[in-house]
Amino acid sequence: MTTATKSRIWQDNALVIDPKHLGISASGRDLEKLFVDFCNRNAQNTWQFELSPDGEIIAMPPVHHPSDDHENQTATRLTLYTDDYGGQARNSNAAFLMPSGGVLVPDASWTSQEKWDAHSHIAGDAHPLCPDFVVEIRSTSDNLAPLQAKMQLYLENGVLLGWLIDPANRRVFVYRAGREEPEQLDDPATLSGESVLPGFVFDVARWIFERN
């Protein structure tokens, strides 16, 4: 597990818990296993949990209108894409164990079947990989900086393409592997999956910007 992140990845309305303050001395994979067990024990809770690379438990309140619809529409389009092109799409309930440490939950994600099959997926555990493609959608209560830090963390762990969608400003930041800075798109009508998701075109204006 890494010892420091460049900047925090949690929002102002998140509850952040340092396990060490609770007398928990576990770290690395042992802490990640305890975290997954904690999530399973609180599966009926409406809050969502992540584990930062530094070992903090991040508890985030549920999203509300229109953010819940934005996440649903995005995950649905990705799932429909897999019907024709394959791969594994997941919604905002899927947790992924980052290679550098921590457990993150993208709003939507896609992983190639080859990469998916190369890892063992255990019932009740986080998926032991970083997806090839992730989407984070800024809600009305979100600050942009933590989401940008989270996108950089995805790239450091192997994401090939990522979209940070800012509905209120009708803006999208496109993150690509090997690029130091994201590309900013102002009021785009559609987004392309490029070479990572060939044939995938997401009507961001229809499914996100115009659904408020």
N, C-alpha and C. Protein backbone atom coordinates (compact mmCIF):
# COMPACT_ATOMS: atom_id res chain seq x y z
N MET A 1 0.84 -1.19 0.00
CA MET A 1 0.00 0.00 0.00
C MET A 1 0.88 1.24 0.00
N THR A 2 0.54 2.22 -0.78
CA THR A 2 1.31 3.44 -0.83
C THR A 2 1.16 4.22 0.45
N THR A 3 2.09 5.14 0.70
CA THR A 3 2.10 5.88 1.96
C THR A 3 1.50 7.27 1.83
N ALA A 4 1.30 7.77 0.63
CA ALA A 4 0.76 9.12 0.49
C ALA A 4 0.06 9.28 -0.84
N THR A 5 -0.96 10.09 -0.87
CA THR A 5 -1.63 10.44 -2.10
C THR A 5 -1.32 11.89 -2.40
N LYS A 6 -1.45 12.28 -3.66
CA LYS A 6 -1.14 13.65 -4.04
C LYS A 6 -2.14 14.64 -3.43
N SER A 7 -3.37 14.25 -3.34
CA SER A 7 -4.41 15.08 -2.73
C SER A 7 -5.57 14.19 -2.36
N ARG A 8 -6.45 14.69 -1.51
CA ARG A 8 -7.53 13.86 -1.02
C ARG A 8 -8.54 13.56 -2.11
N ILE A 9 -9.17 12.38 -2.00
CA ILE A 9 -10.12 11.94 -3.03
C ILE A 9 -11.54 11.94 -2.49
N TRP A 10 -11.78 12.48 -1.30
CA TRP A 10 -13.12 12.48 -0.73
C TRP A 10 -13.71 13.87 -0.71
N GLN A 11 -15.05 13.90 -0.74
CA GLN A 11 -15.80 15.15 -0.74
C GLN A 11 -15.98 15.70 0.67
N ASP A 12 -16.40 16.96 0.75
CA ASP A 12 -16.58 17.61 2.04
C ASP A 12 -17.66 16.93 2.88
N ASN A 13 -18.67 16.33 2.20
CA ASN A 13 -19.77 15.71 2.95
C ASN A 13 -19.51 14.25 3.29
N ALA A 14 -18.29 13.76 3.01
CA ALA A 14 -17.94 12.38 3.33
C ALA A 14 -17.51 12.26 4.79
N LEU A 15 -17.77 11.11 5.36
CA LEU A 15 -17.27 10.77 6.68
C LEU A 15 -15.98 9.97 6.49
N VAL A 16 -14.88 10.46 7.04
CA VAL A 16 -13.58 9.83 6.86
C VAL A 16 -13.11 9.27 8.19
N ILE A 17 -12.79 7.98 8.20
CA ILE A 17 -12.39 7.28 9.42
C ILE A 17 -10.98 6.72 9.24
N ASP A 18 -10.10 7.06 10.16
CA ASP A 18 -8.76 6.47 10.17
C ASP A 18 -8.81 5.24 11.07
N PRO A 19 -8.66 4.03 10.52
CA PRO A 19 -8.75 2.81 11.34
C PRO A 19 -7.80 2.81 12.53
N LYS A 20 -6.67 3.48 12.41
CA LYS A 20 -5.72 3.50 13.52
C LYS A 20 -6.33 4.17 14.75
N HIS A 21 -7.22 5.12 14.52
CA HIS A 21 -7.88 5.79 15.65
C HIS A 21 -8.88 4.88 16.34
N LEU A 22 -9.21 3.76 15.69
CA LEU A 22 -10.11 2.77 16.29
C LEU A 22 -9.34 1.60 16.88
N GLY A 23 -8.04 1.73 16.91
CA GLY A 23 -7.21 0.66 17.46
C GLY A 23 -6.90 -0.44 16.48
N ILE A 24 -7.15 -0.20 15.19
CA ILE A 24 -6.88 -1.21 14.16
C ILE A 24 -5.50 -0.95 13.57
N SER A 25 -4.59 -1.89 13.74
CA SER A 25 -3.21 -1.70 13.28
C SER A 25 -2.94 -2.36 11.94
N ALA A 26 -3.94 -3.03 11.37
CA ALA A 26 -3.75 -3.73 10.09
C ALA A 26 -3.42 -2.73 8.99
N SER A 27 -2.68 -3.19 8.00
CA SER A 27 -2.34 -2.37 6.84
C SER A 27 -2.27 -3.24 5.60
N GLY A 28 -2.10 -2.63 4.46
CA GLY A 28 -1.96 -3.38 3.22
C GLY A 28 -3.15 -4.27 2.95
N ARG A 29 -2.88 -5.49 2.48
CA ARG A 29 -3.94 -6.41 2.10
C ARG A 29 -4.78 -6.81 3.31
N ASP A 30 -4.17 -6.88 4.50
CA ASP A 30 -4.94 -7.23 5.69
C ASP A 30 -6.01 -6.19 5.98
N LEU A 31 -5.66 -4.91 5.83
CA LEU A 31 -6.64 -3.85 6.03
C LEU A 31 -7.72 -3.89 4.96
N GLU A 32 -7.32 -4.18 3.73
CA GLU A 32 -8.30 -4.25 2.65
C GLU A 32 -9.30 -5.38 2.89
N LYS A 33 -8.84 -6.51 3.43
CA LYS A 33 -9.75 -7.61 3.75
C LYS A 33 -10.71 -7.21 4.87
N LEU A 34 -10.21 -6.51 5.87
CA LEU A 34 -11.08 -6.03 6.95
C LEU A 34 -12.09 -5.04 6.42
N PHE A 35 -11.65 -4.20 5.49
CA PHE A 35 -12.55 -3.21 4.90
C PHE A 35 -13.69 -3.88 4.12
N VAL A 36 -13.36 -4.87 3.31
CA VAL A 36 -14.38 -5.58 2.54
C VAL A 36 -15.37 -6.26 3.49
N ASP A 37 -14.87 -6.84 4.56
CA ASP A 37 -15.76 -7.46 5.55
C ASP A 37 -16.67 -6.42 6.19
N PHE A 38 -16.12 -5.25 6.48
CA PHE A 38 -16.91 -4.14 7.03
C PHE A 38 -18.03 -3.75 6.06
N CYS A 39 -17.71 -3.67 4.76
CA CYS A 39 -18.71 -3.31 3.75
C CYS A 39 -19.81 -4.37 3.68
N ASN A 40 -19.42 -5.65 3.71
CA ASN A 40 -20.42 -6.72 3.64
C ASN A 40 -21.35 -6.70 4.85
N ARG A 41 -20.80 -6.36 6.01
CA ARG A 41 -21.62 -6.30 7.22
C ARG A 41 -22.58 -5.11 7.20
N ASN A 42 -22.27 -4.12 6.36
CA ASN A 42 -23.11 -2.93 6.26
C ASN A 42 -23.74 -2.82 4.87
N ALA A 43 -24.00 -3.96 4.26
CA ALA A 43 -24.51 -3.99 2.88
C ALA A 43 -25.87 -3.32 2.74
N GLN A 44 -26.66 -3.30 3.81
CA GLN A 44 -27.99 -2.69 3.74
C GLN A 44 -27.95 -1.19 3.99
N ASN A 45 -26.78 -0.69 4.32
CA ASN A 45 -26.63 0.74 4.56
C ASN A 45 -26.70 1.49 3.24
N THR A 46 -27.33 2.65 3.22
CA THR A 46 -27.43 3.42 1.97
C THR A 46 -26.16 4.20 1.66
N TRP A 47 -25.25 4.29 2.63
CA TRP A 47 -24.00 4.98 2.37
C TRP A 47 -23.07 4.08 1.57
N GLN A 48 -22.16 4.69 0.82
CA GLN A 48 -21.19 3.95 0.01
C GLN A 48 -19.82 4.11 0.62
N PHE A 49 -19.02 3.05 0.57
CA PHE A 49 -17.72 3.06 1.24
C PHE A 49 -16.58 2.85 0.24
N GLU A 50 -15.50 3.56 0.46
CA GLU A 50 -14.27 3.36 -0.29
C GLU A 50 -13.11 3.33 0.71
N LEU A 51 -11.98 2.80 0.28
CA LEU A 51 -10.78 2.78 1.09
C LEU A 51 -9.68 3.49 0.31
N SER A 52 -9.18 4.59 0.86
CA SER A 52 -8.15 5.35 0.16
C SER A 52 -6.82 4.58 0.17
N PRO A 53 -5.89 4.91 -0.73
CA PRO A 53 -4.59 4.24 -0.71
C PRO A 53 -3.84 4.45 0.60
N ASP A 54 -4.18 5.50 1.34
CA ASP A 54 -3.53 5.77 2.61
C ASP A 54 -4.21 5.04 3.77
N GLY A 55 -5.29 4.32 3.49
CA GLY A 55 -5.91 3.51 4.52
C GLY A 55 -7.07 4.13 5.24
N GLU A 56 -7.58 5.29 4.76
CA GLU A 56 -8.76 5.87 5.38
C GLU A 56 -10.03 5.24 4.80
N ILE A 57 -10.99 4.99 5.68
CA ILE A 57 -12.30 4.55 5.23
C ILE A 57 -13.13 5.80 4.90
N ILE A 58 -13.66 5.85 3.68
CA ILE A 58 -14.44 6.99 3.23
C ILE A 58 -15.89 6.56 3.10
N ALA A 59 -16.75 7.16 3.88
CA ALA A 59 -18.18 6.86 3.83
C ALA A 59 -18.90 8.04 3.20
N MET A 60 -19.59 7.78 2.08
CA MET A 60 -20.23 8.84 1.31
C MET A 60 -21.74 8.66 1.33
N PRO A 61 -22.49 9.73 1.54
CA PRO A 61 -23.95 9.62 1.56
C PRO A 61 -24.47 9.26 0.17
N PRO A 62 -25.68 8.71 0.09
CA PRO A 62 -26.24 8.35 -1.22
C PRO A 62 -26.48 9.57 -2.08
N VAL A 63 -26.40 9.38 -3.39
CA VAL A 63 -26.66 10.48 -4.31
C VAL A 63 -28.16 10.63 -4.51
N HIS A 64 -28.57 11.82 -4.88
CA HIS A 64 -29.99 12.11 -5.07
C HIS A 64 -30.21 12.64 -6.49
N HIS A 65 -31.42 13.00 -6.80
CA HIS A 65 -31.76 13.53 -8.11
C HIS A 65 -30.97 14.81 -8.39
N PRO A 66 -30.42 14.94 -9.63
CA PRO A 66 -30.51 14.01 -10.75
C PRO A 66 -29.33 13.05 -10.86
N SER A 67 -28.44 13.08 -9.87
CA SER A 67 -27.21 12.30 -9.97
C SER A 67 -27.47 10.80 -10.06
N ASP A 68 -28.51 10.32 -9.34
CA ASP A 68 -28.81 8.90 -9.40
C ASP A 68 -29.19 8.48 -10.81
N ASP A 69 -29.94 9.32 -11.51
CA ASP A 69 -30.34 9.03 -12.88
C ASP A 69 -29.13 9.09 -13.82
N HIS A 70 -28.25 10.05 -13.60
CA HIS A 70 -27.04 10.17 -14.44
C HIS A 70 -26.21 8.90 -14.36
N GLU A 71 -26.01 8.40 -13.15
CA GLU A 71 -25.22 7.18 -12.97
C GLU A 71 -25.92 5.98 -13.60
N ASN A 72 -27.21 5.89 -13.43
CA ASN A 72 -27.97 4.76 -13.98
C ASN A 72 -27.92 4.75 -15.50
N GLN A 73 -28.13 5.91 -16.12
CA GLN A 73 -28.13 5.99 -17.58
C GLN A 73 -26.76 5.61 -18.16
N THR A 74 -25.71 6.07 -17.50
CA THR A 74 -24.36 5.78 -18.00
C THR A 74 -24.06 4.29 -17.91
N ALA A 75 -24.35 3.69 -16.77
CA ALA A 75 -24.09 2.26 -16.60
C ALA A 75 -24.95 1.42 -17.55
N THR A 76 -26.17 1.87 -17.79
CA THR A 76 -27.05 1.14 -18.71
C THR A 76 -26.49 1.12 -20.11
N ARG A 77 -25.99 2.28 -20.61
CA ARG A 77 -25.43 2.33 -21.97
C ARG A 77 -24.20 1.42 -22.07
N LEU A 78 -23.39 1.38 -21.01
CA LEU A 78 -22.21 0.50 -21.03
C LEU A 78 -22.62 -0.97 -21.06
N THR A 79 -23.65 -1.31 -20.31
CA THR A 79 -24.14 -2.68 -20.29
C THR A 79 -24.66 -3.09 -21.66
N LEU A 80 -25.40 -2.20 -22.31
CA LEU A 80 -25.89 -2.48 -23.66
C LEU A 80 -24.74 -2.66 -24.64
N TYR A 81 -23.67 -1.91 -24.43
CA TYR A 81 -22.49 -2.02 -25.30
C TYR A 81 -21.90 -3.43 -25.22
N THR A 82 -21.88 -4.01 -24.02
CA THR A 82 -21.28 -5.33 -23.87
C THR A 82 -22.07 -6.41 -24.61
N ASP A 83 -23.36 -6.17 -24.86
CA ASP A 83 -24.15 -7.15 -25.59
C ASP A 83 -23.58 -7.40 -26.98
N ASP A 84 -23.04 -6.36 -27.60
CA ASP A 84 -22.50 -6.48 -28.95
C ASP A 84 -20.98 -6.61 -29.00
N TYR A 85 -20.30 -6.02 -28.01
CA TYR A 85 -18.85 -5.94 -28.09
C TYR A 85 -18.12 -6.70 -26.98
N GLY A 86 -18.86 -7.21 -26.00
CA GLY A 86 -18.23 -7.99 -24.95
C GLY A 86 -17.63 -7.13 -23.85
N GLY A 87 -16.89 -7.79 -22.97
CA GLY A 87 -16.34 -7.11 -21.81
C GLY A 87 -17.30 -7.15 -20.64
N GLN A 88 -16.89 -6.52 -19.56
CA GLN A 88 -17.67 -6.51 -18.33
C GLN A 88 -17.96 -5.07 -17.91
N ALA A 89 -19.23 -4.70 -17.88
CA ALA A 89 -19.64 -3.37 -17.42
C ALA A 89 -20.14 -3.48 -15.99
N ARG A 90 -19.89 -2.46 -15.19
CA ARG A 90 -20.34 -2.42 -13.82
C ARG A 90 -20.89 -1.03 -13.48
N ASN A 91 -21.83 -1.00 -12.53
CA ASN A 91 -22.42 0.27 -12.11
C ASN A 91 -21.74 0.77 -10.84
N SER A 92 -22.39 1.72 -10.17
CA SER A 92 -21.77 2.39 -9.02
C SER A 92 -21.79 1.57 -7.74
N ASN A 93 -22.17 0.29 -7.83
CA ASN A 93 -22.13 -0.58 -6.66
C ASN A 93 -20.93 -1.52 -6.68
N ALA A 94 -20.10 -1.44 -7.72
CA ALA A 94 -18.97 -2.37 -7.87
C ALA A 94 -17.70 -1.76 -7.29
N ALA A 95 -17.03 -2.53 -6.43
CA ALA A 95 -15.79 -2.09 -5.79
C ALA A 95 -14.59 -2.77 -6.45
N PHE A 96 -13.51 -2.01 -6.63
CA PHE A 96 -12.31 -2.52 -7.28
C PHE A 96 -11.10 -2.30 -6.39
N LEU A 97 -10.32 -3.35 -6.23
CA LEU A 97 -9.09 -3.29 -5.45
C LEU A 97 -7.97 -2.76 -6.35
N MET A 98 -7.46 -1.58 -6.02
CA MET A 98 -6.42 -0.96 -6.84
C MET A 98 -5.07 -1.65 -6.62
N PRO A 99 -4.30 -1.86 -7.68
CA PRO A 99 -2.99 -2.50 -7.53
C PRO A 99 -2.08 -1.79 -6.53
N SER A 100 -2.17 -0.45 -6.45
CA SER A 100 -1.31 0.30 -5.54
C SER A 100 -1.88 0.40 -4.14
N GLY A 101 -3.07 -0.19 -3.92
CA GLY A 101 -3.70 -0.15 -2.61
C GLY A 101 -4.96 0.67 -2.61
N GLY A 102 -5.88 0.30 -1.77
CA GLY A 102 -7.16 1.00 -1.68
C GLY A 102 -8.23 0.29 -2.48
N VAL A 103 -9.48 0.63 -2.16
CA VAL A 103 -10.65 0.07 -2.84
C VAL A 103 -11.52 1.23 -3.31
N LEU A 104 -11.70 1.35 -4.61
CA LEU A 104 -12.46 2.46 -5.18
C LEU A 104 -13.71 1.97 -5.89
N VAL A 105 -14.70 2.87 -5.97
CA VAL A 105 -15.99 2.54 -6.57
C VAL A 105 -16.33 3.60 -7.62
N PRO A 106 -16.04 3.34 -8.90
CA PRO A 106 -16.41 4.30 -9.96
C PRO A 106 -17.92 4.36 -10.12
N ASP A 107 -18.41 5.46 -10.70
CA ASP A 107 -19.84 5.57 -10.99
C ASP A 107 -20.25 4.60 -12.09
N ALA A 108 -19.35 4.30 -12.99
CA ALA A 108 -19.56 3.29 -14.03
C ALA A 108 -18.19 2.85 -14.52
N SER A 109 -18.11 1.62 -15.02
CA SER A 109 -16.81 1.13 -15.48
C SER A 109 -16.99 0.02 -16.50
N TRP A 110 -15.90 -0.24 -17.21
CA TRP A 110 -15.88 -1.34 -18.19
C TRP A 110 -14.48 -1.94 -18.19
N THR A 111 -14.43 -3.25 -18.31
CA THR A 111 -13.16 -3.97 -18.35
C THR A 111 -13.20 -4.99 -19.48
N SER A 112 -12.12 -5.10 -20.22
CA SER A 112 -12.08 -6.10 -21.29
C SER A 112 -12.23 -7.49 -20.71
N GLN A 113 -12.80 -8.40 -21.50
CA GLN A 113 -13.01 -9.76 -21.03
C GLN A 113 -11.68 -10.45 -20.74
N GLU A 114 -10.68 -10.17 -21.57
CA GLU A 114 -9.36 -10.78 -21.37
C GLU A 114 -8.78 -10.39 -20.02
N LYS A 115 -8.86 -9.12 -19.67
CA LYS A 115 -8.34 -8.67 -18.38
C LYS A 115 -9.17 -9.22 -17.24
N TRP A 116 -10.49 -9.24 -17.43
CA TRP A 116 -11.39 -9.75 -16.40
C TRP A 116 -11.10 -11.21 -16.08
N ASP A 117 -10.91 -12.01 -17.13
CA ASP A 117 -10.68 -13.44 -16.95
C ASP A 117 -9.30 -13.76 -16.37
N ALA A 118 -8.39 -12.80 -16.44
CA ALA A 118 -7.04 -13.02 -15.93
C ALA A 118 -6.96 -12.90 -14.41
N HIS A 119 -8.08 -12.54 -13.78
CA HIS A 119 -8.11 -12.38 -12.33
C HIS A 119 -9.19 -13.28 -11.72
N SER A 120 -8.95 -13.70 -10.50
CA SER A 120 -9.93 -14.52 -9.78
C SER A 120 -10.89 -13.61 -9.03
N HIS A 121 -12.18 -13.81 -9.26
CA HIS A 121 -13.21 -13.00 -8.63
C HIS A 121 -13.90 -13.85 -7.56
N ILE A 122 -13.76 -13.43 -6.31
CA ILE A 122 -14.27 -14.19 -5.18
C ILE A 122 -15.56 -13.55 -4.68
N ALA A 123 -16.58 -14.35 -4.49
CA ALA A 123 -17.86 -13.84 -4.00
C ALA A 123 -17.67 -13.10 -2.68
N GLY A 124 -18.24 -11.90 -2.60
CA GLY A 124 -18.14 -11.12 -1.38
C GLY A 124 -16.88 -10.29 -1.27
N ASP A 125 -16.01 -10.33 -2.28
CA ASP A 125 -14.77 -9.57 -2.25
C ASP A 125 -14.78 -8.52 -3.36
N ALA A 126 -13.92 -7.52 -3.25
CA ALA A 126 -13.79 -6.52 -4.30
C ALA A 126 -13.13 -7.16 -5.52
N HIS A 127 -13.44 -6.66 -6.70
CA HIS A 127 -12.78 -7.15 -7.91
C HIS A 127 -11.30 -6.79 -7.84
N PRO A 128 -10.40 -7.76 -8.03
CA PRO A 128 -8.96 -7.53 -7.82
C PRO A 128 -8.27 -6.93 -9.04
N LEU A 129 -8.79 -5.82 -9.53
CA LEU A 129 -8.22 -5.19 -10.71
C LEU A 129 -8.69 -3.74 -10.80
N CYS A 130 -8.02 -3.00 -11.64
CA CYS A 130 -8.48 -1.66 -11.99
C CYS A 130 -9.11 -1.73 -13.38
N PRO A 131 -10.32 -1.20 -13.57
CA PRO A 131 -10.97 -1.30 -14.88
C PRO A 131 -10.16 -0.62 -15.98
N ASP A 132 -10.49 -0.95 -17.22
CA ASP A 132 -9.86 -0.28 -18.36
C ASP A 132 -10.47 1.10 -18.59
N PHE A 133 -11.74 1.25 -18.22
CA PHE A 133 -12.47 2.49 -18.48
C PHE A 133 -13.32 2.81 -17.27
N VAL A 134 -13.27 4.08 -16.83
CA VAL A 134 -14.08 4.50 -15.68
C VAL A 134 -14.79 5.81 -15.98
N VAL A 135 -15.91 6.00 -15.30
CA VAL A 135 -16.65 7.26 -15.38
C VAL A 135 -16.92 7.74 -13.96
N GLU A 136 -16.66 9.02 -13.72
CA GLU A 136 -17.06 9.68 -12.49
C GLU A 136 -17.94 10.87 -12.90
N ILE A 137 -19.08 11.01 -12.22
CA ILE A 137 -20.04 12.06 -12.55
C ILE A 137 -20.17 12.99 -11.35
N ARG A 138 -19.90 14.24 -11.56
CA ARG A 138 -19.95 15.22 -10.47
C ARG A 138 -21.41 15.48 -10.07
N SER A 139 -21.72 15.27 -8.80
CA SER A 139 -23.07 15.56 -8.31
C SER A 139 -23.15 17.02 -7.89
N THR A 140 -24.34 17.45 -7.52
CA THR A 140 -24.55 18.85 -7.17
C THR A 140 -23.78 19.25 -5.91
N SER A 141 -23.43 18.28 -5.07
CA SER A 141 -22.71 18.59 -3.83
C SER A 141 -21.21 18.34 -3.93
N ASP A 142 -20.74 17.87 -5.07
CA ASP A 142 -19.33 17.50 -5.22
C ASP A 142 -18.45 18.69 -5.57
N ASN A 143 -17.28 18.73 -4.94
CA ASN A 143 -16.21 19.62 -5.39
C ASN A 143 -15.44 18.91 -6.50
N LEU A 144 -14.87 19.68 -7.41
CA LEU A 144 -14.20 19.08 -8.56
C LEU A 144 -12.85 18.48 -8.21
N ALA A 145 -12.09 19.14 -7.32
CA ALA A 145 -10.71 18.71 -7.04
C ALA A 145 -10.61 17.26 -6.55
N PRO A 146 -11.43 16.79 -5.61
CA PRO A 146 -11.32 15.38 -5.20
C PRO A 146 -11.59 14.41 -6.33
N LEU A 147 -12.53 14.75 -7.21
CA LEU A 147 -12.81 13.88 -8.36
C LEU A 147 -11.63 13.85 -9.33
N GLN A 148 -10.99 14.99 -9.52
CA GLN A 148 -9.81 15.03 -10.39
C GLN A 148 -8.68 14.20 -9.79
N ALA A 149 -8.51 14.26 -8.47
CA ALA A 149 -7.49 13.45 -7.81
C ALA A 149 -7.80 11.96 -7.95
N LYS A 150 -9.08 11.62 -7.88
CA LYS A 150 -9.48 10.23 -8.02
C LYS A 150 -9.23 9.74 -9.44
N MET A 151 -9.47 10.58 -10.42
CA MET A 151 -9.21 10.19 -11.81
C MET A 151 -7.71 9.94 -12.02
N GLN A 152 -6.87 10.77 -11.45
CA GLN A 152 -5.43 10.56 -11.57
C GLN A 152 -5.02 9.24 -10.91
N LEU A 153 -5.67 8.93 -9.81
CA LEU A 153 -5.38 7.67 -9.12
C LEU A 153 -5.75 6.47 -9.99
N TYR A 154 -6.89 6.57 -10.68
CA TYR A 154 -7.26 5.50 -11.62
C TYR A 154 -6.18 5.32 -12.68
N LEU A 155 -5.70 6.42 -13.25
CA LEU A 155 -4.68 6.33 -14.29
C LEU A 155 -3.42 5.67 -13.77
N GLU A 156 -3.02 6.02 -12.55
CA GLU A 156 -1.83 5.44 -11.96
C GLU A 156 -1.98 3.94 -11.75
N ASN A 157 -3.20 3.47 -11.69
CA ASN A 157 -3.45 2.04 -11.44
C ASN A 157 -3.82 1.26 -12.69
N GLY A 158 -3.78 1.89 -13.85
CA GLY A 158 -3.95 1.14 -15.08
C GLY A 158 -5.15 1.47 -15.94
N VAL A 159 -5.95 2.46 -15.57
CA VAL A 159 -7.06 2.85 -16.44
C VAL A 159 -6.52 3.39 -17.76
N LEU A 160 -7.18 3.01 -18.84
CA LEU A 160 -6.76 3.45 -20.17
C LEU A 160 -7.50 4.69 -20.63
N LEU A 161 -8.77 4.81 -20.20
CA LEU A 161 -9.60 5.94 -20.60
C LEU A 161 -10.57 6.25 -19.47
N GLY A 162 -10.75 7.52 -19.18
CA GLY A 162 -11.69 7.91 -18.14
C GLY A 162 -12.40 9.20 -18.46
N TRP A 163 -13.66 9.27 -18.06
CA TRP A 163 -14.44 10.49 -18.24
C TRP A 163 -14.84 11.04 -16.88
N LEU A 164 -14.55 12.30 -16.65
CA LEU A 164 -15.06 13.02 -15.50
C LEU A 164 -16.11 13.99 -16.03
N ILE A 165 -17.37 13.70 -15.76
CA ILE A 165 -18.48 14.46 -16.33
C ILE A 165 -18.99 15.47 -15.30
N ASP A 166 -19.08 16.72 -15.72
CA ASP A 166 -19.53 17.82 -14.86
C ASP A 166 -20.85 18.35 -15.44
N PRO A 167 -21.98 17.76 -15.03
CA PRO A 167 -23.27 18.12 -15.65
C PRO A 167 -23.65 19.59 -15.49
N ALA A 168 -23.42 20.17 -14.33
CA ALA A 168 -23.86 21.54 -14.08
C ALA A 168 -23.22 22.52 -15.05
N ASN A 169 -21.99 22.25 -15.46
CA ASN A 169 -21.28 23.13 -16.38
C ASN A 169 -21.22 22.57 -17.80
N ARG A 170 -21.92 21.45 -18.03
CA ARG A 170 -21.94 20.80 -19.35
C ARG A 170 -20.52 20.65 -19.89
N ARG A 171 -19.71 20.01 -19.08
CA ARG A 171 -18.29 19.91 -19.37
C ARG A 171 -17.81 18.50 -19.06
N VAL A 172 -16.83 18.03 -19.81
CA VAL A 172 -16.26 16.69 -19.60
C VAL A 172 -14.74 16.79 -19.66
N PHE A 173 -14.09 16.13 -18.73
CA PHE A 173 -12.64 15.99 -18.75
C PHE A 173 -12.33 14.55 -19.17
N VAL A 174 -11.57 14.40 -20.24
CA VAL A 174 -11.23 13.09 -20.77
C VAL A 174 -9.79 12.76 -20.37
N TYR A 175 -9.65 11.68 -19.61
CA TYR A 175 -8.34 11.23 -19.14
C TYR A 175 -7.89 10.04 -19.98
N ARG A 176 -6.64 10.09 -20.42
CA ARG A 176 -6.09 9.02 -21.25
C ARG A 176 -4.75 8.56 -20.68
N ALA A 177 -4.53 7.26 -20.74
CA ALA A 177 -3.26 6.71 -20.27
C ALA A 177 -2.11 7.32 -21.06
N GLY A 178 -1.05 7.70 -20.36
CA GLY A 178 0.11 8.27 -21.01
C GLY A 178 0.04 9.77 -21.21
N ARG A 179 -1.08 10.37 -20.88
CA ARG A 179 -1.23 11.83 -21.00
C ARG A 179 -1.18 12.46 -19.60
N GLU A 180 -0.39 13.50 -19.46
CA GLU A 180 -0.24 14.13 -18.15
C GLU A 180 -1.48 14.93 -17.76
N GLU A 181 -2.13 15.53 -18.73
CA GLU A 181 -3.29 16.38 -18.44
C GLU A 181 -4.51 15.88 -19.20
N PRO A 182 -5.70 16.01 -18.62
CA PRO A 182 -6.92 15.61 -19.33
C PRO A 182 -7.29 16.63 -20.40
N GLU A 183 -8.06 16.17 -21.36
CA GLU A 183 -8.62 17.07 -22.37
C GLU A 183 -9.97 17.58 -21.87
N GLN A 184 -10.18 18.88 -21.92
CA GLN A 184 -11.45 19.45 -21.48
C GLN A 184 -12.36 19.67 -22.69
N LEU A 185 -13.57 19.13 -22.62
CA LEU A 185 -14.56 19.29 -23.68
C LEU A 185 -15.71 20.12 -23.13
N ASP A 186 -16.00 21.23 -23.77
CA ASP A 186 -17.09 22.09 -23.33
C ASP A 186 -18.35 21.82 -24.14
N ASP A 187 -19.39 21.41 -23.44
CA ASP A 187 -20.71 21.13 -24.00
C ASP A 187 -20.67 20.17 -25.20
N PRO A 188 -20.00 19.03 -25.06
CA PRO A 188 -19.99 18.06 -26.16
C PRO A 188 -21.36 17.39 -26.28
N ALA A 189 -21.71 17.01 -27.50
CA ALA A 189 -22.97 16.29 -27.72
C ALA A 189 -22.80 14.81 -27.43
N THR A 190 -21.65 14.27 -27.83
CA THR A 190 -21.37 12.84 -27.63
C THR A 190 -19.94 12.66 -27.16
N LEU A 191 -19.68 11.48 -26.62
CA LEU A 191 -18.33 11.09 -26.21
C LEU A 191 -17.99 9.77 -26.87
N SER A 192 -16.73 9.61 -27.26
CA SER A 192 -16.29 8.40 -27.94
C SER A 192 -15.50 7.50 -27.00
N GLY A 193 -15.73 6.20 -27.12
CA GLY A 193 -14.95 5.23 -26.38
C GLY A 193 -13.57 5.03 -26.96
N GLU A 194 -13.30 5.67 -28.09
CA GLU A 194 -11.99 5.64 -28.75
C GLU A 194 -11.53 4.20 -28.97
N SER A 195 -10.24 3.96 -28.87
CA SER A 195 -9.74 2.61 -29.14
C SER A 195 -9.96 1.67 -27.96
N VAL A 196 -10.29 2.21 -26.79
CA VAL A 196 -10.51 1.37 -25.61
C VAL A 196 -11.84 0.65 -25.71
N LEU A 197 -12.88 1.39 -26.11
CA LEU A 197 -14.21 0.82 -26.33
C LEU A 197 -14.63 1.13 -27.77
N PRO A 198 -14.07 0.43 -28.75
CA PRO A 198 -14.39 0.72 -30.15
C PRO A 198 -15.88 0.56 -30.43
N GLY A 199 -16.44 1.56 -31.09
CA GLY A 199 -17.85 1.51 -31.42
C GLY A 199 -18.77 2.10 -30.36
N PHE A 200 -18.23 2.46 -29.21
CA PHE A 200 -19.06 3.02 -28.14
C PHE A 200 -19.15 4.53 -28.29
N VAL A 201 -20.36 5.02 -28.48
CA VAL A 201 -20.62 6.46 -28.55
C VAL A 201 -21.69 6.77 -27.51
N PHE A 202 -21.35 7.64 -26.59
CA PHE A 202 -22.26 7.97 -25.50
C PHE A 202 -22.85 9.35 -25.72
N ASP A 203 -24.17 9.41 -25.81
CA ASP A 203 -24.87 10.67 -26.04
C ASP A 203 -24.97 11.41 -24.71
N VAL A 204 -23.89 12.08 -24.34
CA VAL A 204 -23.82 12.73 -23.03
C VAL A 204 -24.83 13.86 -22.89
N ALA A 205 -25.14 14.54 -24.00
CA ALA A 205 -26.15 15.60 -23.93
C ALA A 205 -27.51 15.03 -23.58
N ARG A 206 -27.89 13.93 -24.23
CA ARG A 206 -29.20 13.33 -24.00
C ARG A 206 -29.31 12.68 -22.62
N TRP A 207 -28.29 11.90 -22.26
CA TRP A 207 -28.41 11.07 -21.07
C TRP A 207 -27.94 11.76 -19.78
N ILE A 208 -27.19 12.86 -19.92
CA ILE A 208 -26.69 13.55 -18.73
C ILE A 208 -27.13 15.02 -18.69
N PHE A 209 -26.65 15.80 -19.65
CA PHE A 209 -26.84 17.26 -19.58
C PHE A 209 -28.29 17.67 -19.60
N GLU A 210 -29.11 16.95 -20.34
CA GLU A 210 -30.50 17.34 -20.49
C GLU A 210 -31.44 16.64 -19.50
N ARG A 211 -30.88 15.88 -18.57
CA ARG A 211 -31.68 15.17 -17.59
C ARG A 211 -31.43 15.73 -16.20
N ASN A 212 -32.01 16.89 -15.93
CA ASN A 212 -31.83 17.57 -14.66
C ASN A 212 -33.18 17.90 -14.02
